[in-house]
Amino acid sequence: MTVQATAKGISVSPKKLRLVVDMVRGKKVEDALNILKYYPSPSAQHVAKVVKAAAANAENNLLLEPTALRIVGIYANEGPTLKRLRAKARGRAGRILKRSSHITVLVDEEA
């Protein structure tokens, strides 16, 4: 039975997060945390936090063994976008989009 954890409203664009998320998809939880620990991108810390939360949910709610967990699904979807304006030349305004994301991790025991 799969267990999930979600982090919403993370102020990193989904495009940047997907680079990190694709790297740990299908890995064991222990291996994924080791990869994320040494990955140079700051967004790896956000992903690692959600992976740990999903593993803790599986351990506490369903009494699954934490060493036997594998990431069966992980994705970063687009969250709400903050729209801001910045002054441009000749009295015009340019739009700045401050993107955010939602990270969802699904873990399950290895078969």
C-alpha atoms as a PDB file:
ATOM      1  CA  MET A   1       0.000   0.000   0.000  1.00  0.00           C
ATOM      2  CA  THR A   2       1.473   3.327  -1.036  1.00  0.00           C
ATOM      3  CA  VAL A   3       1.968   6.151   1.430  1.00  0.00           C
ATOM      4  CA  GLN A   4       2.301   9.765   0.387  1.00  0.00           C
ATOM      5  CA  ALA A   5       3.624  13.058   1.688  1.00  0.00           C
ATOM      6  CA  THR A   6       3.094  16.462   0.098  1.00  0.00           C
ATOM      7  CA  ALA A   7       4.791  19.829   0.511  1.00  0.00           C
ATOM      8  CA  LYS A   8       2.795  22.738  -0.873  1.00  0.00           C
ATOM      9  CA  GLY A   9       3.743  26.279  -1.770  1.00  0.00           C
ATOM     10  CA  ILE A  10       7.504  25.810  -2.032  1.00  0.00           C
ATOM     11  CA  SER A  11       8.973  28.960  -3.536  1.00  0.00           C
ATOM     12  CA  VAL A  12      11.066  27.219  -6.195  1.00  0.00           C
ATOM     13  CA  SER A  13       9.942  26.891  -9.785  1.00  0.00           C
ATOM     14  CA  PRO A  14       8.707  23.429 -10.799  1.00  0.00           C
ATOM     15  CA  LYS A  15      11.175  23.333 -13.691  1.00  0.00           C
ATOM     16  CA  LYS A  16      14.098  23.550 -11.258  1.00  0.00           C
ATOM     17  CA  LEU A  17      12.574  20.976  -8.922  1.00  0.00           C
ATOM     18  CA  ARG A  18      11.940  18.447 -11.688  1.00  0.00           C
ATOM     19  CA  LEU A  19      15.681  18.158 -12.334  1.00  0.00           C
ATOM     20  CA  VAL A  20      16.153  16.933  -8.768  1.00  0.00           C
ATOM     21  CA  VAL A  21      12.948  14.880  -8.633  1.00  0.00           C
ATOM     22  CA  ASP A  22      13.784  12.916 -11.797  1.00  0.00           C
ATOM     23  CA  MET A  23      17.115  11.914 -10.278  1.00  0.00           C
ATOM     24  CA  VAL A  24      15.601  10.027  -7.303  1.00  0.00           C
ATOM     25  CA  ARG A  25      12.519   8.490  -8.926  1.00  0.00           C
ATOM     26  CA  GLY A  26      12.442   4.698  -8.413  1.00  0.00           C
ATOM     27  CA  LYS A  27      15.313   4.638  -5.912  1.00  0.00           C
ATOM     28  CA  LYS A  28      15.263   3.220  -2.388  1.00  0.00           C
ATOM     29  CA  VAL A  29      14.567   5.856   0.255  1.00  0.00           C
ATOM     30  CA  GLU A  30      18.018   5.492   1.847  1.00  0.00           C
ATOM     31  CA  ASP A  31      19.769   5.869  -1.509  1.00  0.00           C
ATOM     32  CA  ALA A  32      17.604   8.845  -2.466  1.00  0.00           C
ATOM     33  CA  LEU A  33      18.415  10.660   0.785  1.00  0.00           C
ATOM     34  CA  ASN A  34      22.136  10.060   0.267  1.00  0.00           C
ATOM     35  CA  ILE A  35      21.935  11.436  -3.276  1.00  0.00           C
ATOM     36  CA  LEU A  36      19.968  14.483  -2.158  1.00  0.00           C
ATOM     37  CA  LYS A  37      22.310  15.158   0.759  1.00  0.00           C
ATOM     38  CA  TYR A  38      25.259  15.762  -1.560  1.00  0.00           C
ATOM     39  CA  TYR A  39      23.448  17.293  -4.534  1.00  0.00           C
ATOM     40  CA  PRO A  40      24.562  20.937  -4.970  1.00  0.00           C
ATOM     41  CA  SER A  41      21.125  22.422  -5.717  1.00  0.00           C
ATOM     42  CA  PRO A  42      19.338  24.123  -2.791  1.00  0.00           C
ATOM     43  CA  SER A  43      16.045  22.602  -3.955  1.00  0.00           C
ATOM     44  CA  ALA A  44      17.404  19.151  -3.037  1.00  0.00           C
ATOM     45  CA  GLN A  45      16.799  20.033   0.630  1.00  0.00           C
ATOM     46  CA  HIS A  46      13.087  20.603  -0.054  1.00  0.00           C
ATOM     47  CA  VAL A  47      12.799  17.260  -1.849  1.00  0.00           C
ATOM     48  CA  ALA A  48      14.738  15.442   0.901  1.00  0.00           C
ATOM     49  CA  LYS A  49      12.398  16.836   3.539  1.00  0.00           C
ATOM     50  CA  VAL A  50       9.336  15.457   1.730  1.00  0.00           C
ATOM     51  CA  VAL A  51      10.998  12.062   1.163  1.00  0.00           C
ATOM     52  CA  LYS A  52      11.752  11.835   4.900  1.00  0.00           C
ATOM     53  CA  ALA A  53       8.147  12.779   5.698  1.00  0.00           C
ATOM     54  CA  ALA A  54       6.783  10.067   3.396  1.00  0.00           C
ATOM     55  CA  ALA A  55       9.088   7.472   4.987  1.00  0.00           C
ATOM     56  CA  ALA A  56       7.993   8.568   8.460  1.00  0.00           C
ATOM     57  CA  ASN A  57       4.322   8.335   7.441  1.00  0.00           C
ATOM     58  CA  ALA A  58       4.861   4.781   6.199  1.00  0.00           C
ATOM     59  CA  GLU A  59       6.702   3.783   9.362  1.00  0.00           C
ATOM     60  CA  ASN A  60       4.251   5.333  11.836  1.00  0.00           C
ATOM     61  CA  ASN A  61       0.901   4.850  10.115  1.00  0.00           C
ATOM     62  CA  LEU A  62       1.289   1.459   8.437  1.00  0.00           C
ATOM     63  CA  LEU A  63       4.186   0.028  10.494  1.00  0.00           C
ATOM     64  CA  LEU A  64       6.287  -0.578   7.381  1.00  0.00           C
ATOM     65  CA  GLU A  65      10.021  -1.247   7.633  1.00  0.00           C
ATOM     66  CA  PRO A  66      11.889   2.001   6.760  1.00  0.00           C
ATOM     67  CA  THR A  67      14.833   0.174   5.168  1.00  0.00           C
ATOM     68  CA  ALA A  68      12.539  -1.646   2.700  1.00  0.00           C
ATOM     69  CA  LEU A  69      10.861   1.467   1.292  1.00  0.00           C
ATOM     70  CA  ARG A  70      11.159   2.539  -2.343  1.00  0.00           C
ATOM     71  CA  ILE A  71      10.002   5.756  -4.031  1.00  0.00           C
ATOM     72  CA  VAL A  72       7.314   4.573  -6.447  1.00  0.00           C
ATOM     73  CA  GLY A  73       6.119   8.023  -7.453  1.00  0.00           C
ATOM     74  CA  ILE A  74       7.495  11.528  -7.081  1.00  0.00           C
ATOM     75  CA  TYR A  75       6.499  14.659  -8.918  1.00  0.00           C
ATOM     76  CA  ALA A  76       6.665  18.437  -8.700  1.00  0.00           C
ATOM     77  CA  ASN A  77       3.553  20.259  -9.886  1.00  0.00           C
ATOM     78  CA  GLU A  78       3.023  23.946 -10.386  1.00  0.00           C
ATOM     79  CA  GLY A  79       1.640  25.908  -7.454  1.00  0.00           C
ATOM     80  CA  PRO A  80       0.236  29.443  -7.332  1.00  0.00           C
ATOM     81  CA  THR A  81       2.217  32.120  -9.146  1.00  0.00           C
ATOM     82  CA  LEU A  82       2.759  35.560  -7.640  1.00  0.00           C
ATOM     83  CA  LYS A  83       2.607  38.300 -10.270  1.00  0.00           C
ATOM     84  CA  ARG A  84       4.760  41.365  -9.687  1.00  0.00           C
ATOM     85  CA  LEU A  85       5.616  44.429 -11.775  1.00  0.00           C
ATOM     86  CA  ARG A  86       9.003  45.950 -12.460  1.00  0.00           C
ATOM     87  CA  ALA A  87       9.659  49.350 -14.009  1.00  0.00           C
ATOM     88  CA  LYS A  88      10.928  49.256 -17.588  1.00  0.00           C
ATOM     89  CA  ALA A  89      12.081  51.875 -20.060  1.00  0.00           C
ATOM     90  CA  ARG A  90       9.788  54.677 -21.330  1.00  0.00           C
ATOM     91  CA  GLY A  91       7.291  54.391 -18.482  1.00  0.00           C
ATOM     92  CA  ARG A  92       6.338  50.801 -19.145  1.00  0.00           C
ATOM     93  CA  ALA A  93       6.046  47.914 -16.724  1.00  0.00           C
ATOM     94  CA  GLY A  94       7.424  44.415 -17.090  1.00  0.00           C
ATOM     95  CA  ARG A  95       5.833  41.406 -15.440  1.00  0.00           C
ATOM     96  CA  ILE A  96       7.752  39.215 -13.004  1.00  0.00           C
ATOM     97  CA  LEU A  97       6.340  35.773 -12.279  1.00  0.00           C
ATOM     98  CA  LYS A  98       7.386  34.299  -8.942  1.00  0.00           C
ATOM     99  CA  ARG A  99       6.560  30.642  -9.370  1.00  0.00           C
ATOM    100  CA  SER A 100       5.944  28.086  -6.637  1.00  0.00           C
ATOM    101  CA  SER A 101       5.441  24.318  -6.589  1.00  0.00           C
ATOM    102  CA  HIS A 102       3.906  21.376  -4.816  1.00  0.00           C
ATOM    103  CA  ILE A 103       6.043  18.255  -4.260  1.00  0.00           C
ATOM    104  CA  THR A 104       4.369  14.864  -3.794  1.00  0.00           C
ATOM    105  CA  VAL A 105       6.221  11.662  -2.883  1.00  0.00           C
ATOM    106  CA  LEU A 106       4.710   8.152  -2.911  1.00  0.00           C
ATOM    107  CA  VAL A 107       6.590   5.342  -1.148  1.00  0.00           C
ATOM    108  CA  ASP A 108       5.853   1.630  -0.892  1.00  0.00           C
ATOM    109  CA  GLU A 109       7.555  -1.504   0.363  1.00  0.00           C
ATOM    110  CA  GLU A 110       9.706  -3.432  -2.064  1.00  0.00           C
ATOM    111  CA  ALA A 111       8.074  -6.588  -3.375  1.00  0.00           C
END
